[in-house]
Amino acid sequence: MLKARRNRERRYAAHACHLLCLLSHARVAYLACDDPLIRSLGLSLLNSIDEVRDSLRCVLPSNKWGLSDLRLLLLAFVCHNTTTASTTTEYASLMEDIESRLQANQSTLNDVAILLVAILRTIGLDTRLVCALQPLLLKLPSALRKKTKKPVFPPSATNKKLKPLGQSAEKR
């Protein structure tokens, strides 16, 4: 019982630590959207999209943006060169990581999301970065499964004894 209690406390501590790390990472990403370097990187990517610029090659003001313009912007950013995961093992700043991955054309979907939010904020649209947090499970996966105590077949079908054919004829 003492061992189970220690394991439960250890799982709770790991869950809480993982959740705090995810929250702090989300906070850093949210603040990175206001960074001037990230905004300028996003605007440099925005200049390649012709649909969001006017005749003077300037980005349209926010009051002239329509739903189709936002859709084109989103498609252009999602179709940007993205990889599934970051391969860096060094602990550098988030802004430097995004910049280096953009130069190598290996940006992640998180990078693209941060750049998109930064651009929309630069244009003047009220935008928030929403992160999906998936912390470690508090309960073990084996504890989540329900164990059935009932047999798969009904007891009447499994407990029925069959008599050989010749035996029933002899008793008569």
N, C-alpha and C. Protein backbone atom coordinates (compact mmCIF):
# COMPACT_ATOMS: atom_id res chain seq x y z
N MET A 1 0.82 -1.18 0.00
CA MET A 1 0.00 0.00 0.00
C MET A 1 0.87 1.25 0.00
N LEU A 2 1.96 1.20 0.72
CA LEU A 2 2.87 2.34 0.77
C LEU A 2 3.53 2.56 -0.60
N LYS A 3 3.84 1.45 -1.28
CA LYS A 3 4.44 1.55 -2.61
C LYS A 3 3.45 2.15 -3.60
N ALA A 4 2.20 1.77 -3.52
CA ALA A 4 1.17 2.32 -4.41
C ALA A 4 0.98 3.81 -4.16
N ARG A 5 1.03 4.19 -2.89
CA ARG A 5 0.89 5.61 -2.55
C ARG A 5 2.05 6.43 -3.11
N ARG A 6 3.26 5.89 -2.98
CA ARG A 6 4.44 6.59 -3.52
C ARG A 6 4.35 6.71 -5.04
N ASN A 7 3.92 5.64 -5.70
CA ASN A 7 3.77 5.69 -7.16
C ASN A 7 2.72 6.71 -7.57
N ARG A 8 1.63 6.78 -6.82
CA ARG A 8 0.58 7.75 -7.12
C ARG A 8 1.10 9.18 -6.95
N GLU A 9 1.85 9.42 -5.87
CA GLU A 9 2.43 10.75 -5.64
C GLU A 9 3.45 11.09 -6.72
N ARG A 10 4.23 10.12 -7.15
CA ARG A 10 5.22 10.34 -8.21
C ARG A 10 4.52 10.68 -9.53
N ARG A 11 3.44 9.96 -9.85
CA ARG A 11 2.69 10.26 -11.08
C ARG A 11 2.08 11.65 -11.01
N TYR A 12 1.57 12.02 -9.84
CA TYR A 12 0.98 13.35 -9.67
C TYR A 12 2.04 14.44 -9.84
N ALA A 13 3.23 14.23 -9.28
CA ALA A 13 4.31 15.22 -9.41
C ALA A 13 4.77 15.34 -10.87
N ALA A 14 4.89 14.21 -11.57
CA ALA A 14 5.28 14.25 -12.98
C ALA A 14 4.22 14.94 -13.83
N HIS A 15 2.95 14.66 -13.53
CA HIS A 15 1.84 15.30 -14.25
C HIS A 15 1.87 16.82 -14.03
N ALA A 16 2.03 17.25 -12.79
CA ALA A 16 2.05 18.68 -12.48
C ALA A 16 3.26 19.36 -13.11
N CYS A 17 4.41 18.72 -13.07
CA CYS A 17 5.62 19.29 -13.67
C CYS A 17 5.47 19.42 -15.18
N HIS A 18 4.93 18.39 -15.81
CA HIS A 18 4.73 18.42 -17.26
C HIS A 18 3.73 19.50 -17.65
N LEU A 19 2.67 19.65 -16.88
CA LEU A 19 1.68 20.68 -17.16
C LEU A 19 2.27 22.08 -17.02
N LEU A 20 3.08 22.29 -15.99
CA LEU A 20 3.72 23.60 -15.81
C LEU A 20 4.70 23.90 -16.94
N CYS A 21 5.42 22.90 -17.41
CA CYS A 21 6.33 23.10 -18.54
C CYS A 21 5.56 23.47 -19.81
N LEU A 22 4.45 22.80 -20.04
CA LEU A 22 3.63 23.13 -21.21
C LEU A 22 3.06 24.53 -21.12
N LEU A 23 2.61 24.92 -19.93
CA LEU A 23 2.07 26.28 -19.75
C LEU A 23 3.15 27.34 -19.96
N SER A 24 4.35 27.09 -19.46
CA SER A 24 5.42 28.08 -19.64
C SER A 24 5.84 28.16 -21.10
N HIS A 25 5.87 27.03 -21.80
CA HIS A 25 6.19 27.06 -23.23
C HIS A 25 5.12 27.82 -24.01
N ALA A 26 3.86 27.62 -23.66
CA ALA A 26 2.78 28.34 -24.34
C ALA A 26 2.88 29.84 -24.07
N ARG A 27 3.27 30.20 -22.86
CA ARG A 27 3.43 31.62 -22.52
C ARG A 27 4.58 32.25 -23.32
N VAL A 28 5.68 31.53 -23.46
CA VAL A 28 6.81 32.03 -24.25
C VAL A 28 6.41 32.19 -25.72
N ALA A 29 5.67 31.22 -26.25
CA ALA A 29 5.22 31.31 -27.64
C ALA A 29 4.25 32.47 -27.82
N TYR A 30 3.37 32.69 -26.84
CA TYR A 30 2.42 33.79 -26.91
C TYR A 30 3.14 35.13 -26.90
N LEU A 31 4.16 35.27 -26.07
CA LEU A 31 4.93 36.51 -26.02
C LEU A 31 5.82 36.67 -27.25
N ALA A 32 6.22 35.57 -27.87
CA ALA A 32 7.05 35.66 -29.08
C ALA A 32 6.28 36.26 -30.24
N CYS A 33 4.96 36.15 -30.22
CA CYS A 33 4.16 36.73 -31.30
C CYS A 33 4.26 38.25 -31.33
N ASP A 34 4.63 38.88 -30.22
CA ASP A 34 4.79 40.33 -30.17
C ASP A 34 6.23 40.77 -30.40
N ASP A 35 7.13 39.84 -30.60
CA ASP A 35 8.54 40.18 -30.80
C ASP A 35 8.73 40.83 -32.17
N PRO A 36 9.48 41.93 -32.25
CA PRO A 36 9.69 42.60 -33.55
C PRO A 36 10.37 41.72 -34.59
N LEU A 37 11.29 40.85 -34.17
CA LEU A 37 11.96 39.96 -35.12
C LEU A 37 10.96 38.97 -35.73
N ILE A 38 10.11 38.40 -34.91
CA ILE A 38 9.10 37.45 -35.41
C ILE A 38 8.13 38.15 -36.34
N ARG A 39 7.71 39.36 -35.97
CA ARG A 39 6.79 40.11 -36.84
C ARG A 39 7.43 40.44 -38.18
N SER A 40 8.70 40.81 -38.17
CA SER A 40 9.36 41.13 -39.44
C SER A 40 9.57 39.88 -40.29
N LEU A 41 9.87 38.75 -39.65
CA LEU A 41 9.98 37.49 -40.40
C LEU A 41 8.64 37.13 -41.03
N GLY A 42 7.57 37.32 -40.29
CA GLY A 42 6.25 37.03 -40.83
C GLY A 42 5.88 37.96 -41.97
N LEU A 43 6.20 39.24 -41.83
CA LEU A 43 5.91 40.18 -42.91
C LEU A 43 6.73 39.89 -44.15
N SER A 44 7.95 39.39 -43.98
CA SER A 44 8.75 39.03 -45.15
C SER A 44 8.12 37.86 -45.90
N LEU A 45 7.48 36.96 -45.17
CA LEU A 45 6.76 35.87 -45.83
C LEU A 45 5.47 36.36 -46.46
N LEU A 46 4.88 37.39 -45.87
CA LEU A 46 3.63 37.93 -46.37
C LEU A 46 3.83 38.65 -47.70
N ASN A 47 5.01 39.18 -47.94
CA ASN A 47 5.27 39.90 -49.19
C ASN A 47 5.24 38.99 -50.41
N SER A 48 5.34 37.70 -50.22
CA SER A 48 5.31 36.78 -51.35
C SER A 48 3.88 36.44 -51.79
N ILE A 49 2.88 36.90 -51.07
CA ILE A 49 1.48 36.60 -51.40
C ILE A 49 0.89 37.83 -52.09
N ASP A 50 0.59 37.70 -53.38
CA ASP A 50 0.12 38.84 -54.17
C ASP A 50 -1.29 39.29 -53.79
N GLU A 51 -2.12 38.38 -53.31
CA GLU A 51 -3.52 38.70 -53.06
C GLU A 51 -3.73 39.65 -51.90
N VAL A 52 -2.76 39.79 -51.02
CA VAL A 52 -2.94 40.65 -49.84
C VAL A 52 -2.19 41.97 -49.98
N ARG A 53 -1.78 42.30 -51.20
CA ARG A 53 -1.09 43.58 -51.42
C ARG A 53 -1.89 44.43 -52.39
N ASP A 54 -1.77 45.73 -52.25
CA ASP A 54 -2.47 46.65 -53.15
C ASP A 54 -1.60 46.94 -54.37
N SER A 55 -2.03 47.93 -55.18
CA SER A 55 -1.30 48.24 -56.41
C SER A 55 0.08 48.81 -56.15
N LEU A 56 0.30 49.38 -54.97
CA LEU A 56 1.61 49.94 -54.62
C LEU A 56 2.52 48.90 -53.97
N ARG A 57 2.09 47.63 -53.99
CA ARG A 57 2.83 46.50 -53.41
C ARG A 57 2.95 46.59 -51.90
N CYS A 58 2.03 47.32 -51.25
CA CYS A 58 2.00 47.41 -49.79
C CYS A 58 0.93 46.46 -49.27
N VAL A 59 1.10 46.00 -48.06
CA VAL A 59 0.12 45.09 -47.45
C VAL A 59 -1.16 45.87 -47.19
N LEU A 60 -2.29 45.24 -47.51
CA LEU A 60 -3.59 45.89 -47.32
C LEU A 60 -3.83 46.23 -45.85
N PRO A 61 -4.48 47.36 -45.57
CA PRO A 61 -4.84 47.66 -44.18
C PRO A 61 -5.90 46.68 -43.69
N SER A 62 -6.04 46.58 -42.38
CA SER A 62 -6.92 45.55 -41.80
C SER A 62 -8.39 45.75 -42.17
N ASN A 63 -8.82 46.99 -42.44
CA ASN A 63 -10.23 47.20 -42.78
C ASN A 63 -10.56 46.75 -44.20
N LYS A 64 -9.56 46.45 -45.02
CA LYS A 64 -9.80 46.00 -46.39
C LYS A 64 -9.64 44.48 -46.54
N TRP A 65 -9.33 43.82 -45.45
CA TRP A 65 -9.16 42.37 -45.51
C TRP A 65 -10.53 41.71 -45.51
N GLY A 66 -10.67 40.71 -46.35
CA GLY A 66 -11.89 39.92 -46.38
C GLY A 66 -11.62 38.49 -45.95
N LEU A 67 -12.67 37.73 -45.91
CA LEU A 67 -12.53 36.33 -45.51
C LEU A 67 -11.69 35.54 -46.51
N SER A 68 -11.85 35.86 -47.79
CA SER A 68 -11.06 35.15 -48.81
C SER A 68 -9.57 35.49 -48.69
N ASP A 69 -9.26 36.75 -48.32
CA ASP A 69 -7.85 37.12 -48.12
C ASP A 69 -7.24 36.36 -46.96
N LEU A 70 -7.98 36.24 -45.87
CA LEU A 70 -7.48 35.49 -44.71
C LEU A 70 -7.31 34.01 -45.05
N ARG A 71 -8.23 33.49 -45.85
CA ARG A 71 -8.14 32.09 -46.26
C ARG A 71 -6.88 31.86 -47.10
N LEU A 72 -6.62 32.77 -48.05
CA LEU A 72 -5.42 32.65 -48.88
C LEU A 72 -4.15 32.76 -48.04
N LEU A 73 -4.18 33.66 -47.06
CA LEU A 73 -3.02 33.82 -46.18
C LEU A 73 -2.78 32.54 -45.37
N LEU A 74 -3.84 31.98 -44.85
CA LEU A 74 -3.70 30.75 -44.07
C LEU A 74 -3.19 29.59 -44.93
N LEU A 75 -3.73 29.47 -46.14
CA LEU A 75 -3.26 28.40 -47.04
C LEU A 75 -1.80 28.58 -47.41
N ALA A 76 -1.39 29.83 -47.63
CA ALA A 76 0.01 30.08 -47.99
C ALA A 76 0.94 29.71 -46.83
N PHE A 77 0.51 29.98 -45.61
CA PHE A 77 1.35 29.66 -44.46
C PHE A 77 1.38 28.18 -44.17
N VAL A 78 0.26 27.51 -44.32
CA VAL A 78 0.23 26.07 -44.05
C VAL A 78 1.02 25.32 -45.12
N CYS A 79 0.99 25.82 -46.36
CA CYS A 79 1.72 25.16 -47.44
C CYS A 79 3.20 25.51 -47.43
N HIS A 80 3.63 26.36 -46.51
CA HIS A 80 5.05 26.70 -46.41
C HIS A 80 5.83 25.45 -46.05
N ASN A 81 7.10 25.44 -46.36
CA ASN A 81 7.94 24.26 -46.09
C ASN A 81 7.94 23.94 -44.61
N THR A 82 7.23 22.90 -44.23
CA THR A 82 7.16 22.52 -42.82
C THR A 82 7.62 21.09 -42.64
N THR A 83 8.19 20.83 -41.49
CA THR A 83 8.55 19.47 -41.10
C THR A 83 7.70 19.10 -39.89
N THR A 84 7.71 17.84 -39.53
CA THR A 84 6.85 17.40 -38.44
C THR A 84 7.41 17.73 -37.08
N ALA A 85 8.71 17.70 -36.91
CA ALA A 85 9.29 17.95 -35.59
C ALA A 85 10.64 18.64 -35.73
N SER A 86 11.01 19.31 -34.69
CA SER A 86 12.30 19.99 -34.67
C SER A 86 13.40 18.99 -34.32
N THR A 87 14.53 19.13 -34.99
CA THR A 87 15.64 18.21 -34.73
C THR A 87 16.74 18.86 -33.91
N THR A 88 16.52 20.07 -33.44
CA THR A 88 17.56 20.75 -32.67
C THR A 88 17.56 20.22 -31.25
N THR A 89 18.75 20.06 -30.70
CA THR A 89 18.88 19.60 -29.33
C THR A 89 19.42 20.69 -28.42
N GLU A 90 19.84 21.81 -28.99
CA GLU A 90 20.36 22.91 -28.19
C GLU A 90 19.20 23.72 -27.63
N TYR A 91 19.47 24.39 -26.52
CA TYR A 91 18.46 25.24 -25.92
C TYR A 91 18.76 26.69 -26.27
N ALA A 92 18.30 27.13 -27.40
CA ALA A 92 18.45 28.51 -27.82
C ALA A 92 17.10 29.21 -27.62
N SER A 93 17.06 30.48 -27.92
CA SER A 93 15.79 31.19 -27.76
C SER A 93 14.84 30.78 -28.88
N LEU A 94 13.57 30.94 -28.63
CA LEU A 94 12.54 30.54 -29.59
C LEU A 94 12.66 31.36 -30.87
N MET A 95 12.96 32.66 -30.73
CA MET A 95 13.07 33.52 -31.90
C MET A 95 14.24 33.09 -32.80
N GLU A 96 15.37 32.74 -32.19
CA GLU A 96 16.52 32.29 -32.98
C GLU A 96 16.23 30.95 -33.65
N ASP A 97 15.51 30.08 -32.96
CA ASP A 97 15.14 28.79 -33.55
C ASP A 97 14.25 28.97 -34.77
N ILE A 98 13.25 29.84 -34.64
CA ILE A 98 12.34 30.08 -35.76
C ILE A 98 13.09 30.67 -36.94
N GLU A 99 13.97 31.63 -36.66
CA GLU A 99 14.74 32.26 -37.73
C GLU A 99 15.64 31.26 -38.44
N SER A 100 16.33 30.42 -37.69
CA SER A 100 17.23 29.45 -38.32
C SER A 100 16.46 28.39 -39.10
N ARG A 101 15.32 27.97 -38.60
CA ARG A 101 14.52 26.97 -39.34
C ARG A 101 13.90 27.57 -40.59
N LEU A 102 13.54 28.86 -40.55
CA LEU A 102 13.02 29.50 -41.76
C LEU A 102 14.09 29.61 -42.83
N GLN A 103 15.31 29.93 -42.43
CA GLN A 103 16.40 30.03 -43.39
C GLN A 103 16.71 28.68 -44.02
N ALA A 104 16.53 27.61 -43.27
CA ALA A 104 16.80 26.26 -43.78
C ALA A 104 15.58 25.63 -44.44
N ASN A 105 14.46 26.38 -44.53
CA ASN A 105 13.19 25.87 -45.08
C ASN A 105 12.73 24.61 -44.37
N GLN A 106 12.88 24.57 -43.05
CA GLN A 106 12.45 23.43 -42.26
C GLN A 106 11.65 23.90 -41.05
N SER A 107 10.74 24.81 -41.25
CA SER A 107 9.96 25.32 -40.13
C SER A 107 8.89 24.31 -39.73
N THR A 108 8.56 24.29 -38.46
CA THR A 108 7.55 23.38 -37.94
C THR A 108 6.18 24.05 -38.00
N LEU A 109 5.15 23.27 -37.74
CA LEU A 109 3.80 23.85 -37.72
C LEU A 109 3.65 24.85 -36.58
N ASN A 110 4.36 24.64 -35.47
CA ASN A 110 4.33 25.61 -34.38
C ASN A 110 4.95 26.93 -34.81
N ASP A 111 6.04 26.87 -35.57
CA ASP A 111 6.67 28.09 -36.08
C ASP A 111 5.70 28.85 -36.98
N VAL A 112 5.03 28.12 -37.86
CA VAL A 112 4.10 28.74 -38.79
C VAL A 112 2.93 29.36 -38.04
N ALA A 113 2.45 28.70 -36.99
CA ALA A 113 1.34 29.26 -36.20
C ALA A 113 1.77 30.55 -35.50
N ILE A 114 2.97 30.57 -34.94
CA ILE A 114 3.46 31.77 -34.26
C ILE A 114 3.63 32.91 -35.26
N LEU A 115 4.18 32.61 -36.44
CA LEU A 115 4.35 33.64 -37.47
C LEU A 115 3.01 34.17 -37.97
N LEU A 116 2.03 33.28 -38.12
CA LEU A 116 0.71 33.71 -38.58
C LEU A 116 0.05 34.63 -37.57
N VAL A 117 0.11 34.28 -36.29
CA VAL A 117 -0.47 35.14 -35.26
C VAL A 117 0.27 36.48 -35.21
N ALA A 118 1.58 36.46 -35.37
CA ALA A 118 2.36 37.70 -35.36
C ALA A 118 1.97 38.60 -36.53
N ILE A 119 1.75 38.02 -37.70
CA ILE A 119 1.34 38.82 -38.86
C ILE A 119 -0.04 39.42 -38.66
N LEU A 120 -0.97 38.60 -38.18
CA LEU A 120 -2.33 39.11 -37.98
C LEU A 120 -2.35 40.21 -36.93
N ARG A 121 -1.50 40.13 -35.91
CA ARG A 121 -1.40 41.21 -34.93
C ARG A 121 -0.77 42.45 -35.55
N THR A 122 0.21 42.27 -36.42
CA THR A 122 0.86 43.40 -37.07
C THR A 122 -0.12 44.14 -37.98
N ILE A 123 -0.96 43.40 -38.66
CA ILE A 123 -1.94 44.02 -39.55
C ILE A 123 -2.97 44.82 -38.76
N GLY A 124 -3.21 44.42 -37.53
CA GLY A 124 -4.16 45.13 -36.69
C GLY A 124 -5.36 44.30 -36.28
N LEU A 125 -5.33 43.02 -36.57
CA LEU A 125 -6.43 42.14 -36.18
C LEU A 125 -6.18 41.62 -34.76
N ASP A 126 -7.23 41.58 -33.97
CA ASP A 126 -7.12 41.06 -32.60
C ASP A 126 -7.04 39.54 -32.68
N THR A 127 -5.87 39.01 -32.39
CA THR A 127 -5.61 37.58 -32.57
C THR A 127 -4.96 37.01 -31.32
N ARG A 128 -5.34 35.77 -30.99
CA ARG A 128 -4.74 35.07 -29.85
C ARG A 128 -4.15 33.76 -30.31
N LEU A 129 -3.10 33.38 -29.65
CA LEU A 129 -2.48 32.08 -29.92
C LEU A 129 -3.07 31.07 -28.94
N VAL A 130 -3.69 30.04 -29.47
CA VAL A 130 -4.30 29.01 -28.63
C VAL A 130 -3.47 27.74 -28.79
N CYS A 131 -3.00 27.21 -27.68
CA CYS A 131 -2.17 26.00 -27.69
C CYS A 131 -2.95 24.84 -27.10
N ALA A 132 -2.81 23.68 -27.71
CA ALA A 132 -3.41 22.47 -27.16
C ALA A 132 -2.39 21.80 -26.25
N LEU A 133 -2.74 21.66 -25.00
CA LEU A 133 -1.83 21.07 -24.02
C LEU A 133 -2.22 19.62 -23.79
N GLN A 134 -1.27 18.72 -23.90
CA GLN A 134 -1.51 17.31 -23.66
C GLN A 134 -0.51 16.80 -22.63
N PRO A 135 -0.80 17.02 -21.35
CA PRO A 135 0.15 16.58 -20.32
C PRO A 135 0.13 15.07 -20.16
N LEU A 136 1.09 14.59 -19.38
CA LEU A 136 1.13 13.16 -19.06
C LEU A 136 -0.14 12.77 -18.32
N LEU A 137 -0.55 11.53 -18.50
CA LEU A 137 -1.75 11.05 -17.83
C LEU A 137 -1.53 10.95 -16.33
N LEU A 138 -2.56 11.30 -15.58
CA LEU A 138 -2.46 11.21 -14.14
C LEU A 138 -2.60 9.76 -13.68
N LYS A 139 -3.45 8.99 -14.38
CA LYS A 139 -3.63 7.58 -14.05
C LYS A 139 -2.89 6.73 -15.06
N LEU A 140 -2.49 5.57 -14.64
CA LEU A 140 -1.83 4.64 -15.54
C LEU A 140 -2.83 4.12 -16.56
N PRO A 141 -2.39 3.83 -17.78
CA PRO A 141 -3.32 3.30 -18.78
C PRO A 141 -3.95 1.98 -18.36
N SER A 142 -3.24 1.14 -17.62
CA SER A 142 -3.82 -0.13 -17.17
C SER A 142 -4.93 0.10 -16.16
N ALA A 143 -4.86 1.19 -15.41
CA ALA A 143 -5.91 1.50 -14.45
C ALA A 143 -7.15 2.04 -15.13
N LEU A 144 -7.00 2.51 -16.37
CA LEU A 144 -8.14 3.05 -17.09
C LEU A 144 -9.00 1.96 -17.72
N ARG A 145 -8.39 0.80 -17.98
CA ARG A 145 -9.14 -0.28 -18.60
C ARG A 145 -10.06 -0.95 -17.58
N LYS A 146 -11.24 -1.31 -18.04
CA LYS A 146 -12.17 -2.03 -17.17
C LYS A 146 -11.97 -3.52 -17.38
N LYS A 147 -11.83 -4.23 -16.29
CA LYS A 147 -11.67 -5.68 -16.38
C LYS A 147 -13.05 -6.31 -16.21
N THR A 148 -13.40 -7.15 -17.15
CA THR A 148 -14.69 -7.83 -17.09
C THR A 148 -14.53 -9.13 -16.34
N LYS A 149 -15.43 -9.38 -15.40
CA LYS A 149 -15.39 -10.61 -14.62
C LYS A 149 -16.36 -11.64 -15.19
N LYS A 150 -17.24 -11.20 -16.08
CA LYS A 150 -18.21 -12.10 -16.66
C LYS A 150 -17.57 -12.84 -17.84
N PRO A 151 -17.93 -14.12 -18.02
CA PRO A 151 -17.41 -14.83 -19.18
C PRO A 151 -18.05 -14.30 -20.46
N VAL A 152 -17.39 -14.56 -21.56
CA VAL A 152 -17.88 -14.06 -22.84
C VAL A 152 -19.16 -14.77 -23.24
N PHE A 153 -19.22 -16.10 -23.02
CA PHE A 153 -20.40 -16.87 -23.37
C PHE A 153 -21.31 -17.00 -22.15
N PRO A 154 -22.61 -17.13 -22.35
CA PRO A 154 -23.49 -17.33 -21.20
C PRO A 154 -23.19 -18.66 -20.51
N PRO A 155 -23.38 -18.74 -19.20
CA PRO A 155 -23.01 -19.96 -18.47
C PRO A 155 -23.80 -21.18 -18.91
N SER A 156 -25.01 -21.02 -19.38
CA SER A 156 -25.80 -22.18 -19.77
C SER A 156 -25.19 -22.88 -20.98
N ALA A 157 -24.58 -22.15 -21.87
CA ALA A 157 -24.00 -22.76 -23.07
C ALA A 157 -22.66 -23.42 -22.77
N THR A 158 -21.91 -22.89 -21.82
CA THR A 158 -20.58 -23.46 -21.55
C THR A 158 -20.62 -24.59 -20.54
N ASN A 159 -21.58 -24.62 -19.64
CA ASN A 159 -21.63 -25.64 -18.59
C ASN A 159 -22.45 -26.86 -18.99
N LYS A 160 -23.05 -26.85 -20.12
CA LYS A 160 -23.90 -27.96 -20.54
C LYS A 160 -23.03 -29.17 -20.89
N LYS A 161 -23.36 -30.31 -20.28
CA LYS A 161 -22.61 -31.53 -20.54
C LYS A 161 -23.31 -32.31 -21.65
N LEU A 162 -22.52 -32.71 -22.59
CA LEU A 162 -23.06 -33.48 -23.70
C LEU A 162 -22.83 -34.97 -23.45
N LYS A 163 -23.85 -35.77 -23.71
CA LYS A 163 -23.75 -37.22 -23.54
C LYS A 163 -23.46 -37.85 -24.89
N PRO A 164 -22.69 -38.90 -24.88
CA PRO A 164 -22.46 -39.60 -26.15
C PRO A 164 -23.77 -40.20 -26.65
N LEU A 165 -23.85 -40.41 -27.93
CA LEU A 165 -25.09 -40.89 -28.54
C LEU A 165 -25.46 -42.29 -28.05
N GLY A 166 -24.53 -43.16 -27.91
CA GLY A 166 -24.81 -44.53 -27.50
C GLY A 166 -25.23 -44.63 -26.04
N GLN A 167 -24.85 -43.72 -25.18
CA GLN A 167 -25.12 -43.79 -23.76
C GLN A 167 -26.60 -43.53 -23.46
N SER A 168 -27.21 -42.63 -24.16
CA SER A 168 -28.61 -42.32 -23.88
C SER A 168 -29.52 -43.46 -24.31
N ALA A 169 -29.14 -44.23 -25.32
CA ALA A 169 -29.96 -45.35 -25.79
C ALA A 169 -29.86 -46.53 -24.85
N GLU A 170 -28.74 -46.73 -24.14
CA GLU A 170 -28.55 -47.87 -23.25
C GLU A 170 -29.39 -47.75 -22.00
N LYS A 171 -29.64 -46.52 -21.50
CA LYS A 171 -30.39 -46.34 -20.27
C LYS A 171 -31.87 -46.61 -20.46
N ARG A 172 -32.37 -46.57 -21.64
CA ARG A 172 -33.79 -46.77 -21.87
C ARG A 172 -34.14 -48.16 -21.89
